[in-house]
Amino acid sequence: MEYGLERSPDVERAAERLARPHARAALVTKRVLDIVLALVLLVAVLPLVVVVLLMLGFAGEGMFERRRRLGRHGNAVVLTRFQSLPGGAVGRGLERIGARELPLLISVLRGKLSFVGPRMVEPGTGAGHTGPRRLMAPGLIGPAQLGRSDASEHALDDAYVESWSLWSDLQLLVGRRPTAHQSVSKSSS
């Protein structure tokens, strides 16, 4: 089910840019990097996942919570996270390091999410999933999630997709906002 089938000129421009051979090759590289990084992280955090599962099992409540979000092209994506972890020093420490989010790595492996991309949008917030940002899989991090700009989240996500490159993804992974996004934040102030 694609949300908002109409395509505005900015969506058309971004789609044409992403369809170019060099951009398509870069998108394939992005996907391969997502898979490799997700596999490496899953292996590295496996002991932590076991600890979280044991804690949740002993707490006696459900282990997972599921949330629906809009993914690429407006397709519904069900995201799975661990339930809130039990209190205590260990539970608080695991919450602080983001252990609840570890199941999202499976969504990255499945191609429903990317490590870097536009923010995830809840269904029913139609204005949140129009524009170029709907052309790419949502990311665990992205320009809107960094929260260091006065620009709207939508404008940052759209600018990210319109000027996407592997280099901009790398900059976002290390916590820097690429130059194209900085110019958006200045122009929308």
C-alpha atoms as a PDB file:
ATOM      1  CA  MET A   1       0.000   0.000   0.000  1.00  0.00           C
ATOM      2  CA  GLU A   2       1.819   3.093  -1.166  1.00  0.00           C
ATOM      3  CA  TYR A   3       0.863   6.212   0.750  1.00  0.00           C
ATOM      4  CA  GLY A   4       0.289   9.281  -1.400  1.00  0.00           C
ATOM      5  CA  LEU A   5       0.665   8.042  -4.965  1.00  0.00           C
ATOM      6  CA  GLU A   6       0.957  11.554  -6.373  1.00  0.00           C
ATOM      7  CA  ARG A   7       4.490  12.640  -7.162  1.00  0.00           C
ATOM      8  CA  SER A   8       5.519  16.231  -6.798  1.00  0.00           C
ATOM      9  CA  PRO A   9       8.315  17.769  -8.900  1.00  0.00           C
ATOM     10  CA  ASP A  10      10.815  17.424  -6.040  1.00  0.00           C
ATOM     11  CA  VAL A  11       9.980  13.718  -5.720  1.00  0.00           C
ATOM     12  CA  GLU A  12      10.376  13.273  -9.486  1.00  0.00           C
ATOM     13  CA  ARG A  13      13.780  15.026  -9.434  1.00  0.00           C
ATOM     14  CA  ALA A  14      14.997  12.914  -6.532  1.00  0.00           C
ATOM     15  CA  ALA A  15      13.677   9.708  -8.152  1.00  0.00           C
ATOM     16  CA  GLU A  16      15.454  10.546 -11.420  1.00  0.00           C
ATOM     17  CA  ARG A  17      18.688  11.279  -9.541  1.00  0.00           C
ATOM     18  CA  LEU A  18      18.501   8.001  -7.590  1.00  0.00           C
ATOM     19  CA  ALA A  19      17.792   6.075 -10.824  1.00  0.00           C
ATOM     20  CA  ARG A  20      21.069   7.158 -12.457  1.00  0.00           C
ATOM     21  CA  PRO A  21      23.569   4.305 -12.867  1.00  0.00           C
ATOM     22  CA  HIS A  22      26.163   5.687 -10.424  1.00  0.00           C
ATOM     23  CA  ALA A  23      23.474   6.383  -7.807  1.00  0.00           C
ATOM     24  CA  ARG A  24      22.011   2.896  -8.239  1.00  0.00           C
ATOM     25  CA  ALA A  25      25.464   1.380  -7.762  1.00  0.00           C
ATOM     26  CA  ALA A  26      25.949   3.495  -4.641  1.00  0.00           C
ATOM     27  CA  LEU A  27      22.547   2.360  -3.310  1.00  0.00           C
ATOM     28  CA  VAL A  28      23.570  -1.276  -3.824  1.00  0.00           C
ATOM     29  CA  THR A  29      26.789  -0.529  -1.931  1.00  0.00           C
ATOM     30  CA  LYS A  30      24.740   1.109   0.837  1.00  0.00           C
ATOM     31  CA  ARG A  31      22.588  -2.025   1.117  1.00  0.00           C
ATOM     32  CA  VAL A  32      25.626  -4.317   1.224  1.00  0.00           C
ATOM     33  CA  LEU A  33      27.174  -2.143   3.947  1.00  0.00           C
ATOM     34  CA  ASP A  34      23.896  -2.251   5.907  1.00  0.00           C
ATOM     35  CA  ILE A  35      23.887  -6.058   5.754  1.00  0.00           C
ATOM     36  CA  VAL A  36      27.556  -6.436   6.710  1.00  0.00           C
ATOM     37  CA  LEU A  37      27.341  -3.921   9.564  1.00  0.00           C
ATOM     38  CA  ALA A  38      24.103  -5.466  10.883  1.00  0.00           C
ATOM     39  CA  LEU A  39      25.616  -8.970  10.832  1.00  0.00           C
ATOM     40  CA  VAL A  40      28.794  -7.815  12.580  1.00  0.00           C
ATOM     41  CA  LEU A  41      26.801  -5.950  15.234  1.00  0.00           C
ATOM     42  CA  LEU A  42      24.402  -8.850  15.775  1.00  0.00           C
ATOM     43  CA  VAL A  43      27.305 -11.217  16.399  1.00  0.00           C
ATOM     44  CA  ALA A  44      29.016  -8.674  18.673  1.00  0.00           C
ATOM     45  CA  VAL A  45      25.915  -7.974  20.787  1.00  0.00           C
ATOM     46  CA  LEU A  46      24.628 -11.545  20.977  1.00  0.00           C
ATOM     47  CA  PRO A  47      25.684 -11.920  24.641  1.00  0.00           C
ATOM     48  CA  LEU A  48      23.864  -8.672  25.448  1.00  0.00           C
ATOM     49  CA  VAL A  49      20.738  -9.934  23.669  1.00  0.00           C
ATOM     50  CA  VAL A  50      20.852 -13.095  25.787  1.00  0.00           C
ATOM     51  CA  VAL A  51      21.083 -10.990  28.982  1.00  0.00           C
ATOM     52  CA  VAL A  52      18.125  -8.832  27.902  1.00  0.00           C
ATOM     53  CA  LEU A  53      16.033 -11.889  26.994  1.00  0.00           C
ATOM     54  CA  LEU A  54      16.803 -13.497  30.364  1.00  0.00           C
ATOM     55  CA  MET A  55      15.883 -10.309  32.230  1.00  0.00           C
ATOM     56  CA  LEU A  56      12.618  -9.971  30.326  1.00  0.00           C
ATOM     57  CA  GLY A  57      11.860 -13.672  30.798  1.00  0.00           C
ATOM     58  CA  PHE A  58      12.303 -13.401  34.556  1.00  0.00           C
ATOM     59  CA  ALA A  59      10.191 -10.220  34.649  1.00  0.00           C
ATOM     60  CA  GLY A  60       7.299 -12.319  33.336  1.00  0.00           C
ATOM     61  CA  GLU A  61       5.901  -9.720  30.954  1.00  0.00           C
ATOM     62  CA  GLY A  62       6.100  -9.852  27.177  1.00  0.00           C
ATOM     63  CA  MET A  63       9.522  -9.681  25.602  1.00  0.00           C
ATOM     64  CA  PHE A  64       8.781  -7.578  22.539  1.00  0.00           C
ATOM     65  CA  GLU A  65       6.739  -4.578  21.514  1.00  0.00           C
ATOM     66  CA  ARG A  66       5.784  -3.913  17.932  1.00  0.00           C
ATOM     67  CA  ARG A  67       5.116  -0.582  16.262  1.00  0.00           C
ATOM     68  CA  ARG A  68       3.927   0.192  12.755  1.00  0.00           C
ATOM     69  CA  ARG A  69       5.756   2.821  10.754  1.00  0.00           C
ATOM     70  CA  LEU A  70       5.795   3.894   7.132  1.00  0.00           C
ATOM     71  CA  GLY A  71       8.799   2.683   5.196  1.00  0.00           C
ATOM     72  CA  ARG A  72      10.047   3.153   1.665  1.00  0.00           C
ATOM     73  CA  HIS A  73       7.291   4.158  -0.768  1.00  0.00           C
ATOM     74  CA  GLY A  74       4.839   4.392   2.136  1.00  0.00           C
ATOM     75  CA  ASN A  75       4.759   0.642   2.725  1.00  0.00           C
ATOM     76  CA  ALA A  76       3.886  -0.348   6.279  1.00  0.00           C
ATOM     77  CA  VAL A  77       6.781  -1.709   8.334  1.00  0.00           C
ATOM     78  CA  VAL A  78       6.394  -3.456  11.687  1.00  0.00           C
ATOM     79  CA  LEU A  79       9.314  -2.597  13.950  1.00  0.00           C
ATOM     80  CA  THR A  80      10.134  -4.869  16.868  1.00  0.00           C
ATOM     81  CA  ARG A  81      11.926  -3.724  20.033  1.00  0.00           C
ATOM     82  CA  PHE A  82      12.430  -5.256  23.440  1.00  0.00           C
ATOM     83  CA  GLN A  83       9.880  -4.299  26.099  1.00  0.00           C
ATOM     84  CA  SER A  84      10.969  -1.818  28.760  1.00  0.00           C
ATOM     85  CA  LEU A  85      13.652  -3.454  30.815  1.00  0.00           C
ATOM     86  CA  PRO A  86      13.112  -4.170  34.509  1.00  0.00           C
ATOM     87  CA  GLY A  87      14.358  -1.550  36.987  1.00  0.00           C
ATOM     88  CA  GLY A  88      17.588  -1.809  38.863  1.00  0.00           C
ATOM     89  CA  ALA A  89      21.086  -0.768  37.952  1.00  0.00           C
ATOM     90  CA  VAL A  90      21.505  -3.382  35.210  1.00  0.00           C
ATOM     91  CA  GLY A  91      18.144  -2.574  33.591  1.00  0.00           C
ATOM     92  CA  ARG A  92      18.814   1.178  33.667  1.00  0.00           C
ATOM     93  CA  GLY A  93      22.305   0.638  32.257  1.00  0.00           C
ATOM     94  CA  LEU A  94      20.967  -1.476  29.405  1.00  0.00           C
ATOM     95  CA  GLU A  95      18.269   1.131  28.667  1.00  0.00           C
ATOM     96  CA  ARG A  96      20.924   3.857  28.590  1.00  0.00           C
ATOM     97  CA  ILE A  97      23.007   2.066  25.961  1.00  0.00           C
ATOM     98  CA  GLY A  98      19.967   1.394  23.765  1.00  0.00           C
ATOM     99  CA  ALA A  99      19.636  -2.357  24.338  1.00  0.00           C
ATOM    100  CA  ARG A 100      15.872  -2.131  23.700  1.00  0.00           C
ATOM    101  CA  GLU A 101      16.597  -1.230  20.082  1.00  0.00           C
ATOM    102  CA  LEU A 102      18.765  -4.262  19.257  1.00  0.00           C
ATOM    103  CA  PRO A 103      15.954  -6.162  17.438  1.00  0.00           C
ATOM    104  CA  LEU A 104      15.898  -3.300  14.909  1.00  0.00           C
ATOM    105  CA  LEU A 105      19.099  -4.798  13.488  1.00  0.00           C
ATOM    106  CA  ILE A 106      16.919  -7.616  12.116  1.00  0.00           C
ATOM    107  CA  SER A 107      14.837  -4.988  10.281  1.00  0.00           C
ATOM    108  CA  VAL A 108      18.062  -3.624   8.780  1.00  0.00           C
ATOM    109  CA  LEU A 109      19.018  -7.132   7.624  1.00  0.00           C
ATOM    110  CA  ARG A 110      15.578  -7.573   6.051  1.00  0.00           C
ATOM    111  CA  GLY A 111      15.920  -4.268   4.171  1.00  0.00           C
ATOM    112  CA  LYS A 112      12.990  -2.602   5.935  1.00  0.00           C
ATOM    113  CA  LEU A 113      15.355  -0.137   7.619  1.00  0.00           C
ATOM    114  CA  SER A 114      18.786   1.234   6.895  1.00  0.00           C
ATOM    115  CA  PHE A 115      21.411   2.417   9.346  1.00  0.00           C
ATOM    116  CA  VAL A 116      21.170   5.898   7.824  1.00  0.00           C
ATOM    117  CA  GLY A 117      18.057   7.363   6.251  1.00  0.00           C
ATOM    118  CA  PRO A 118      15.058   9.605   6.754  1.00  0.00           C
ATOM    119  CA  ARG A 119      13.280   9.299  10.076  1.00  0.00           C
ATOM    120  CA  MET A 120      10.538   6.747  10.616  1.00  0.00           C
ATOM    121  CA  VAL A 121       6.988   8.083  10.281  1.00  0.00           C
ATOM    122  CA  GLU A 122       3.868   6.843  12.038  1.00  0.00           C
ATOM    123  CA  PRO A 123       0.922   5.840   9.830  1.00  0.00           C
ATOM    124  CA  GLY A 124      -1.784   8.478   9.795  1.00  0.00           C
ATOM    125  CA  THR A 125       0.684  11.351   9.714  1.00  0.00           C
ATOM    126  CA  GLY A 126       0.380  11.779   5.949  1.00  0.00           C
ATOM    127  CA  ALA A 127       2.244  15.060   5.851  1.00  0.00           C
ATOM    128  CA  GLY A 128       5.170  13.241   7.408  1.00  0.00           C
ATOM    129  CA  HIS A 129       5.575  10.859   4.497  1.00  0.00           C
ATOM    130  CA  THR A 130       5.323  12.979   1.418  1.00  0.00           C
ATOM    131  CA  GLY A 131       8.206  14.373  -0.560  1.00  0.00           C
ATOM    132  CA  PRO A 132      11.498  12.764  -1.523  1.00  0.00           C
ATOM    133  CA  ARG A 133      12.047  11.117   1.886  1.00  0.00           C
ATOM    134  CA  ARG A 134       9.583   8.379   0.953  1.00  0.00           C
ATOM    135  CA  LEU A 135      11.955   7.157  -1.786  1.00  0.00           C
ATOM    136  CA  MET A 136      14.428   5.643   0.695  1.00  0.00           C
ATOM    137  CA  ALA A 137      14.157   3.195   3.568  1.00  0.00           C
ATOM    138  CA  PRO A 138      13.946   4.936   6.941  1.00  0.00           C
ATOM    139  CA  GLY A 139      17.094   4.944   9.008  1.00  0.00           C
ATOM    140  CA  LEU A 140      18.093   4.300  12.577  1.00  0.00           C
ATOM    141  CA  ILE A 141      19.881   7.636  12.367  1.00  0.00           C
ATOM    142  CA  GLY A 142      19.597  10.525   9.959  1.00  0.00           C
ATOM    143  CA  PRO A 143      19.628  14.284   9.693  1.00  0.00           C
ATOM    144  CA  ALA A 144      16.328  14.733  11.543  1.00  0.00           C
ATOM    145  CA  GLN A 145      17.390  12.426  14.387  1.00  0.00           C
ATOM    146  CA  LEU A 146      20.576  14.380  15.059  1.00  0.00           C
ATOM    147  CA  GLY A 147      18.399  17.267  16.249  1.00  0.00           C
ATOM    148  CA  ARG A 148      20.989  19.985  15.756  1.00  0.00           C
ATOM    149  CA  SER A 149      19.100  22.218  13.368  1.00  0.00           C
ATOM    150  CA  ASP A 150      16.327  24.760  13.272  1.00  0.00           C
ATOM    151  CA  ALA A 151      15.077  23.330   9.971  1.00  0.00           C
ATOM    152  CA  SER A 152      11.989  21.150  10.030  1.00  0.00           C
ATOM    153  CA  GLU A 153      12.572  17.413  10.208  1.00  0.00           C
ATOM    154  CA  HIS A 154      10.778  17.054   6.872  1.00  0.00           C
ATOM    155  CA  ALA A 155      13.075  19.565   5.155  1.00  0.00           C
ATOM    156  CA  LEU A 156      16.171  17.838   6.546  1.00  0.00           C
ATOM    157  CA  ASP A 157      14.951  14.412   5.425  1.00  0.00           C
ATOM    158  CA  ASP A 158      14.026  15.702   1.965  1.00  0.00           C
ATOM    159  CA  ALA A 159      17.411  17.419   1.570  1.00  0.00           C
ATOM    160  CA  TYR A 160      19.132  14.208   2.667  1.00  0.00           C
ATOM    161  CA  VAL A 161      17.389  12.169  -0.064  1.00  0.00           C
ATOM    162  CA  GLU A 162      17.799  14.862  -2.738  1.00  0.00           C
ATOM    163  CA  SER A 163      21.557  15.080  -2.145  1.00  0.00           C
ATOM    164  CA  TRP A 164      22.174  11.535  -0.896  1.00  0.00           C
ATOM    165  CA  SER A 165      25.615   9.987  -1.214  1.00  0.00           C
ATOM    166  CA  LEU A 166      27.608   7.327   0.588  1.00  0.00           C
ATOM    167  CA  TRP A 167      29.777  10.160   1.904  1.00  0.00           C
ATOM    168  CA  SER A 168      26.777  11.889   3.507  1.00  0.00           C
ATOM    169  CA  ASP A 169      25.799   8.576   5.128  1.00  0.00           C
ATOM    170  CA  LEU A 170      29.302   8.183   6.545  1.00  0.00           C
ATOM    171  CA  GLN A 171      29.188  11.724   7.935  1.00  0.00           C
ATOM    172  CA  LEU A 172      25.835  11.030   9.595  1.00  0.00           C
ATOM    173  CA  LEU A 173      27.138   7.739  11.035  1.00  0.00           C
ATOM    174  CA  VAL A 174      29.940   9.598  12.793  1.00  0.00           C
ATOM    175  CA  GLY A 175      27.544  12.290  14.005  1.00  0.00           C
ATOM    176  CA  ARG A 176      28.308  15.103  11.578  1.00  0.00           C
ATOM    177  CA  ARG A 177      25.672  16.846   9.538  1.00  0.00           C
ATOM    178  CA  PRO A 178      26.710  16.990   5.854  1.00  0.00           C
ATOM    179  CA  THR A 179      27.100  20.396   4.238  1.00  0.00           C
ATOM    180  CA  ALA A 180      23.915  20.136   2.133  1.00  0.00           C
ATOM    181  CA  HIS A 181      21.867  19.726   5.313  1.00  0.00           C
ATOM    182  CA  GLN A 182      23.582  22.694   6.943  1.00  0.00           C
ATOM    183  CA  SER A 183      22.496  24.917   4.078  1.00  0.00           C
ATOM    184  CA  VAL A 184      18.908  23.691   4.453  1.00  0.00           C
ATOM    185  CA  SER A 185      18.904  24.568   8.143  1.00  0.00           C
ATOM    186  CA  LYS A 186      20.159  28.083   7.408  1.00  0.00           C
ATOM    187  CA  SER A 187      17.681  28.725   4.593  1.00  0.00           C
ATOM    188  CA  SER A 188      14.624  27.535   6.511  1.00  0.00           C
ATOM    189  CA  SER A 189      15.323  29.670   9.594  1.00  0.00           C
END
